[in-house]
Amino acid sequence: MEVLIVWQLWLTGLIGIWLIISPWVYGFSSDAGAMWNSVIFGIIVFILAIWVGTGQKNNKS
């Protein structure tokens, strides 16, 4: 498995955060389906970025 560079993990985490806040930034928070889709996928992306980052930190021994 190829090791991801730290900036890629940070960028992925920021994309997750952006997905979480984008319904309010772009004004589609009144559409419940689109809002929850964006929030849930943002949370998943953010958690996976953290998980991969901590896994790589532990494997660098």
Protein backbone atom coordinates (compact mmCIF):
# COMPACT_ATOMS: atom_id res chain seq x y z
CA MET A 1 0.00 0.00 0.00
CA GLU A 2 1.34 3.38 -0.96
CA VAL A 3 1.87 5.84 1.85
CA LEU A 4 -0.19 9.01 1.57
CA ILE A 5 1.54 12.33 2.00
CA VAL A 6 0.48 14.38 5.01
CA TRP A 7 -0.94 17.22 2.91
CA GLN A 8 -3.25 14.73 1.16
CA LEU A 9 -4.71 13.71 4.50
CA TRP A 10 -5.19 17.34 5.52
CA LEU A 11 -6.85 18.11 2.20
CA THR A 12 -9.19 15.13 2.57
CA GLY A 13 -10.11 16.27 6.08
CA LEU A 14 -10.83 19.79 4.81
CA ILE A 15 -13.02 18.38 2.04
CA GLY A 16 -14.98 16.49 4.69
CA ILE A 17 -15.44 19.68 6.70
CA TRP A 18 -16.47 21.54 3.55
CA LEU A 19 -19.11 18.91 2.78
CA ILE A 20 -20.48 19.32 6.31
CA ILE A 21 -20.82 23.13 6.13
CA SER A 22 -21.66 23.51 2.44
CA PRO A 23 -25.47 23.29 2.82
CA TRP A 24 -25.41 26.52 4.82
CA VAL A 25 -22.75 28.20 2.70
CA TYR A 26 -24.63 27.54 -0.54
CA GLY A 27 -28.09 27.91 0.97
CA PHE A 28 -29.57 24.49 0.31
CA SER A 29 -30.08 23.59 3.96
CA SER A 30 -33.86 23.84 3.49
CA ASP A 31 -33.72 20.78 1.21
CA ALA A 32 -33.49 18.09 3.88
CA GLY A 33 -32.38 15.28 1.57
CA ALA A 34 -29.52 17.21 0.01
CA MET A 35 -28.47 18.67 3.36
CA TRP A 36 -28.30 15.34 5.17
CA ASN A 37 -26.55 13.71 2.22
CA SER A 38 -23.84 16.35 2.34
CA VAL A 39 -23.50 16.27 6.13
CA ILE A 40 -23.37 12.46 6.40
CA PHE A 41 -20.85 12.04 3.59
CA GLY A 42 -18.79 14.90 5.03
CA ILE A 43 -18.65 13.13 8.38
CA ILE A 44 -17.67 9.86 6.70
CA VAL A 45 -14.89 11.53 4.67
CA PHE A 46 -13.59 13.39 7.74
CA ILE A 47 -13.57 10.26 9.94
CA LEU A 48 -11.82 8.22 7.25
CA ALA A 49 -9.16 10.92 6.83
CA ILE A 50 -8.49 10.85 10.58
CA TRP A 51 -8.49 7.05 10.64
CA VAL A 52 -6.01 6.74 7.78
CA GLY A 53 -3.82 9.47 9.28
CA THR A 54 -3.62 7.78 12.66
CA GLY A 55 -3.00 4.41 11.02
CA GLN A 56 -0.06 5.79 9.08
CA LYS A 57 1.32 7.49 12.18
CA ASN A 58 1.30 4.17 14.03
CA ASN A 59 2.94 2.32 11.11
CA LYS A 60 5.96 4.64 10.86
CA SER A 61 7.98 2.78 13.49
